[in-house]
Amino acid sequence: MSGQAQPDRQPGTPAHPVPAWRRRHPGEHRWPVTLVIAAAIVLQLVTPPQLAFSPRWLLPAVEGTLLVVLLVVNPFRMNRESAAVRVVELALVAVATIAVIWSAGRLIILLVAGARPENPGTVLLSGAAIWLTNVIVFALWYWELDRGGPAARANVRRPYPDLLFPQMTAADLAPHDWRPVFLDYLYVAFTNSTAFSPTDTLPLSRWAKTAMMLQSAVSLLVVALIIARAVNIVT
């Protein structure tokens, strides 16, 4: 109707364009995920020796080496699909996963066994480092596996998402060029660890549901046992 205001639209732009996450794009920059991986390595290095994988330097050294390889091979935008690079990326996340599950398991065993640290602050700090590393590790998994990973998403290799972000179902509430980047996956991992369940982003594939279930379980065990033990020490 002529009396109704029409939405602004650039000449030549279709009324219902294909959303950006379904279009080819230059690819994400590597530096945000590089900084987060570096933070995870630092957190592993400051984890108390009794909770770290032995020898303590081994897993962080492997992760650092794999990260350097990725920076040398593909330092900027991640839009080139390579089987070798893909193996290195997944190996890096797998090693980080081993590290966080090992530390979480050791912490749980020590707390259940009744080991008494010098002060509750030690328990809280150790648990916080493990909890935060858990968030980072699963953010990397979500980012690496959703629709085949960052390079596959840039080249639109897979049409169906594994994680359904709200912007995908309400395109009118997001910019026309919106697409998920690493920060979105980090947010998903953080909220899943704090709420112990999905919040605004839903898992669609079975691997995503399994990953969220495992992340929530690790987070719940660590948080519950740490709080209980810290309160017990104080009282």
Protein backbone atom coordinates (compact mmCIF):
# COMPACT_ATOMS: atom_id res chain seq x y z
CA MET A 1 0.00 0.00 0.00
CA SER A 2 1.21 3.49 -0.83
CA GLY A 3 0.55 4.76 2.69
CA GLN A 4 2.99 2.32 4.26
CA ALA A 5 6.69 3.14 4.66
CA GLN A 6 8.96 0.91 2.62
CA PRO A 7 12.30 -0.31 4.02
CA ASP A 8 15.39 1.34 2.59
CA ARG A 9 17.14 -0.83 0.03
CA GLN A 10 20.00 -0.16 -2.34
CA PRO A 11 19.08 -0.12 -6.05
CA GLY A 12 19.65 -3.52 -7.61
CA THR A 13 19.61 -5.36 -4.26
CA PRO A 14 17.14 -8.26 -4.19
CA ALA A 15 14.30 -8.05 -1.70
CA HIS A 16 15.38 -11.30 -0.03
CA PRO A 17 19.15 -11.66 -0.56
CA VAL A 18 21.02 -14.80 0.39
CA PRO A 19 22.30 -14.29 3.98
CA ALA A 20 26.00 -13.58 4.37
CA TRP A 21 26.69 -16.84 6.20
CA ARG A 22 25.53 -18.68 3.08
CA ARG A 23 27.68 -16.62 0.71
CA ARG A 24 31.38 -16.92 -0.07
CA HIS A 25 33.51 -14.45 1.87
CA PRO A 26 37.23 -13.64 2.33
CA GLY A 27 37.53 -15.73 5.49
CA GLU A 28 38.24 -14.87 9.12
CA HIS A 29 41.45 -13.34 10.37
CA ARG A 30 43.60 -15.78 12.33
CA TRP A 31 44.79 -13.35 15.03
CA PRO A 32 41.73 -13.54 17.39
CA VAL A 33 41.91 -17.32 17.70
CA THR A 34 45.71 -17.15 17.95
CA LEU A 35 45.47 -14.88 21.00
CA VAL A 36 42.93 -17.18 22.65
CA ILE A 37 45.07 -20.28 22.02
CA ALA A 38 48.07 -18.45 23.49
CA ALA A 39 45.97 -17.65 26.56
CA ALA A 40 45.05 -21.33 26.92
CA ILE A 41 48.73 -22.31 26.76
CA VAL A 42 49.56 -19.78 29.48
CA LEU A 43 46.74 -21.12 31.66
CA GLN A 44 48.13 -24.63 31.29
CA LEU A 45 51.60 -23.45 32.27
CA VAL A 46 50.33 -21.83 35.48
CA THR A 47 48.26 -24.87 36.47
CA PRO A 48 49.68 -26.42 39.67
CA PRO A 49 52.09 -29.32 38.99
CA GLN A 50 49.86 -31.88 40.72
CA LEU A 51 47.08 -31.08 38.24
CA ALA A 52 49.12 -30.75 35.05
CA PHE A 53 49.98 -33.47 32.57
CA SER A 54 53.49 -34.77 33.19
CA PRO A 55 55.96 -33.55 32.07
CA ARG A 56 54.31 -30.21 32.59
CA TRP A 57 55.87 -28.52 29.56
CA LEU A 58 55.05 -31.27 27.04
CA LEU A 59 51.48 -30.45 25.97
CA PRO A 60 51.97 -26.65 25.94
CA ALA A 61 55.13 -27.18 23.86
CA VAL A 62 53.24 -29.33 21.36
CA GLU A 63 50.43 -26.78 21.15
CA GLY A 64 52.90 -23.91 20.70
CA THR A 65 54.70 -25.78 17.93
CA LEU A 66 51.47 -26.55 16.08
CA LEU A 67 50.36 -22.94 16.46
CA VAL A 68 53.62 -21.67 14.98
CA VAL A 69 53.20 -24.07 12.04
CA LEU A 70 49.72 -22.68 11.37
CA LEU A 71 50.97 -19.09 11.57
CA VAL A 72 53.74 -19.86 9.07
CA VAL A 73 51.53 -21.73 6.62
CA ASN A 74 48.41 -19.53 6.85
CA PRO A 75 49.03 -16.38 8.91
CA PHE A 76 46.22 -14.14 7.74
CA ARG A 77 42.75 -14.97 6.43
CA MET A 78 41.50 -18.55 6.69
CA ASN A 79 39.92 -19.21 3.31
CA ARG A 80 42.32 -21.75 1.78
CA GLU A 81 41.23 -25.34 2.28
CA SER A 82 44.11 -27.73 2.86
CA ALA A 83 44.00 -31.23 4.27
CA ALA A 84 47.41 -30.80 5.92
CA VAL A 85 46.43 -27.50 7.58
CA ARG A 86 43.17 -29.06 8.69
CA VAL A 87 45.00 -31.94 10.37
CA VAL A 88 47.29 -29.51 12.21
CA GLU A 89 44.34 -27.39 13.37
CA LEU A 90 42.41 -30.37 14.71
CA ALA A 91 45.55 -31.84 16.30
CA LEU A 92 46.13 -28.57 18.14
CA VAL A 93 42.61 -28.57 19.56
CA ALA A 94 42.86 -32.28 20.42
CA VAL A 95 46.06 -31.74 22.42
CA ALA A 96 44.47 -28.82 24.27
CA THR A 97 41.47 -31.04 25.01
CA ILE A 98 43.70 -33.74 26.49
CA ALA A 99 45.35 -31.12 28.70
CA VAL A 100 42.10 -29.69 30.09
CA ILE A 101 40.42 -33.07 30.62
CA TRP A 102 43.54 -34.37 32.37
CA SER A 103 43.70 -31.35 34.68
CA ALA A 104 39.96 -31.42 35.39
CA GLY A 105 40.13 -35.13 36.14
CA ARG A 106 43.10 -34.70 38.46
CA LEU A 107 41.36 -31.85 40.30
CA ILE A 108 38.19 -33.89 40.75
CA ILE A 109 40.14 -36.91 42.01
CA LEU A 110 42.10 -34.81 44.51
CA LEU A 111 38.99 -33.08 45.82
CA VAL A 112 36.99 -36.29 46.12
CA ALA A 113 39.94 -37.99 47.84
CA GLY A 114 39.93 -35.21 50.43
CA ALA A 115 43.30 -33.64 49.59
CA ARG A 116 43.60 -30.43 51.60
CA PRO A 117 45.45 -27.52 49.93
CA GLU A 118 47.15 -24.82 51.93
CA ASN A 119 44.27 -22.40 51.43
CA PRO A 120 40.92 -22.25 49.59
CA GLY A 121 42.36 -19.65 47.23
CA THR A 122 44.54 -22.34 45.67
CA VAL A 123 41.47 -24.43 44.93
CA LEU A 124 39.56 -21.50 43.48
CA LEU A 125 42.41 -20.28 41.28
CA SER A 126 43.22 -23.76 39.97
CA GLY A 127 39.57 -24.43 39.25
CA ALA A 128 39.12 -21.06 37.55
CA ALA A 129 42.08 -21.73 35.24
CA ILE A 130 40.75 -25.18 34.33
CA TRP A 131 37.20 -23.85 33.86
CA LEU A 132 38.38 -21.05 31.57
CA THR A 133 40.58 -23.43 29.58
CA ASN A 134 37.55 -25.68 29.18
CA VAL A 135 35.61 -22.76 27.70
CA ILE A 136 38.41 -21.98 25.25
CA VAL A 137 38.87 -25.59 24.16
CA PHE A 138 35.20 -26.13 23.37
CA ALA A 139 34.96 -22.75 21.65
CA LEU A 140 37.73 -24.01 19.37
CA TRP A 141 35.86 -27.25 18.70
CA TYR A 142 32.65 -25.42 17.82
CA TRP A 143 34.56 -23.02 15.59
CA GLU A 144 36.56 -25.77 13.90
CA LEU A 145 33.68 -28.17 13.25
CA ASP A 146 30.66 -25.98 12.47
CA ARG A 147 29.96 -26.42 8.74
CA GLY A 148 33.41 -27.92 8.25
CA GLY A 149 35.51 -25.17 9.83
CA PRO A 150 36.44 -21.57 8.98
CA ALA A 151 37.84 -22.25 5.50
CA ALA A 152 34.90 -24.43 4.49
CA ARG A 153 32.49 -21.77 5.77
CA ALA A 154 34.31 -19.10 3.75
CA ASN A 155 33.87 -21.23 0.63
CA VAL A 156 30.32 -22.33 1.53
CA ARG A 157 31.11 -26.04 1.29
CA ARG A 158 28.26 -27.10 3.55
CA PRO A 159 24.81 -25.47 3.39
CA TYR A 160 23.45 -26.71 6.71
CA PRO A 161 24.72 -25.29 10.01
CA ASP A 162 25.65 -27.44 13.01
CA LEU A 163 24.95 -24.54 15.37
CA LEU A 164 21.89 -22.37 14.87
CA PHE A 165 22.64 -18.77 15.86
CA PRO A 166 19.64 -16.46 16.44
CA GLN A 167 20.73 -14.18 13.58
CA MET A 168 20.15 -17.10 11.20
CA THR A 169 16.47 -17.25 12.10
CA ALA A 170 15.85 -13.50 12.44
CA ALA A 171 17.76 -11.94 9.58
CA ASP A 172 15.90 -8.63 9.96
CA LEU A 173 17.55 -8.18 13.39
CA ALA A 174 21.11 -8.54 12.11
CA PRO A 175 23.24 -6.60 9.60
CA HIS A 176 23.04 -7.93 6.06
CA ASP A 177 26.70 -8.97 6.19
CA TRP A 178 26.48 -10.88 9.50
CA ARG A 179 28.09 -14.29 9.75
CA PRO A 180 29.47 -16.19 12.77
CA VAL A 181 33.11 -15.57 13.66
CA PHE A 182 35.28 -16.95 16.46
CA LEU A 183 33.92 -14.55 19.09
CA ASP A 184 30.42 -15.95 18.50
CA TYR A 185 31.66 -19.48 19.16
CA LEU A 186 33.54 -18.31 22.25
CA TYR A 187 30.30 -16.79 23.54
CA VAL A 188 28.47 -20.07 22.91
CA ALA A 189 31.11 -21.99 24.89
CA PHE A 190 31.05 -19.46 27.74
CA THR A 191 27.28 -19.47 28.13
CA ASN A 192 27.15 -23.27 27.87
CA SER A 193 29.67 -23.49 30.72
CA THR A 194 27.80 -21.02 32.92
CA ALA A 195 24.24 -22.21 32.25
CA PHE A 196 25.22 -25.90 31.84
CA SER A 197 22.99 -25.97 28.76
CA PRO A 198 22.55 -24.15 25.42
CA THR A 199 21.22 -20.61 25.69
CA ASP A 200 20.38 -18.68 22.52
CA THR A 201 22.37 -20.87 20.10
CA LEU A 202 21.04 -24.36 19.50
CA PRO A 203 23.04 -27.47 18.53
CA LEU A 204 21.58 -29.15 15.44
CA SER A 205 24.01 -31.95 14.64
CA ARG A 206 24.75 -34.89 16.90
CA TRP A 207 28.41 -33.98 17.33
CA ALA A 208 27.41 -30.49 18.52
CA LYS A 209 24.94 -31.93 21.03
CA THR A 210 27.57 -34.37 22.29
CA ALA A 211 30.20 -31.63 22.62
CA MET A 212 27.84 -29.35 24.53
CA MET A 213 26.85 -32.21 26.82
CA LEU A 214 30.50 -33.04 27.57
CA GLN A 215 31.43 -29.40 28.14
CA SER A 216 28.50 -28.87 30.51
CA ALA A 217 29.40 -32.01 32.45
CA VAL A 218 33.03 -30.95 32.91
CA SER A 219 32.02 -27.43 33.91
CA LEU A 220 29.38 -28.63 36.36
CA LEU A 221 31.73 -31.09 38.08
CA VAL A 222 34.54 -28.55 38.39
CA VAL A 223 32.32 -25.72 39.67
CA ALA A 224 30.32 -27.87 42.10
CA LEU A 225 33.32 -29.64 43.63
CA ILE A 226 35.44 -26.50 43.87
CA ILE A 227 32.73 -24.51 45.63
CA ALA A 228 31.94 -27.38 47.98
CA ARG A 229 35.59 -27.92 48.83
CA ALA A 230 36.36 -24.23 49.29
CA VAL A 231 33.39 -23.78 51.61
CA ASN A 232 34.45 -26.86 53.56
CA ILE A 233 37.97 -25.50 54.00
CA VAL A 234 36.71 -22.10 55.17
CA THR A 235 34.32 -23.62 57.69
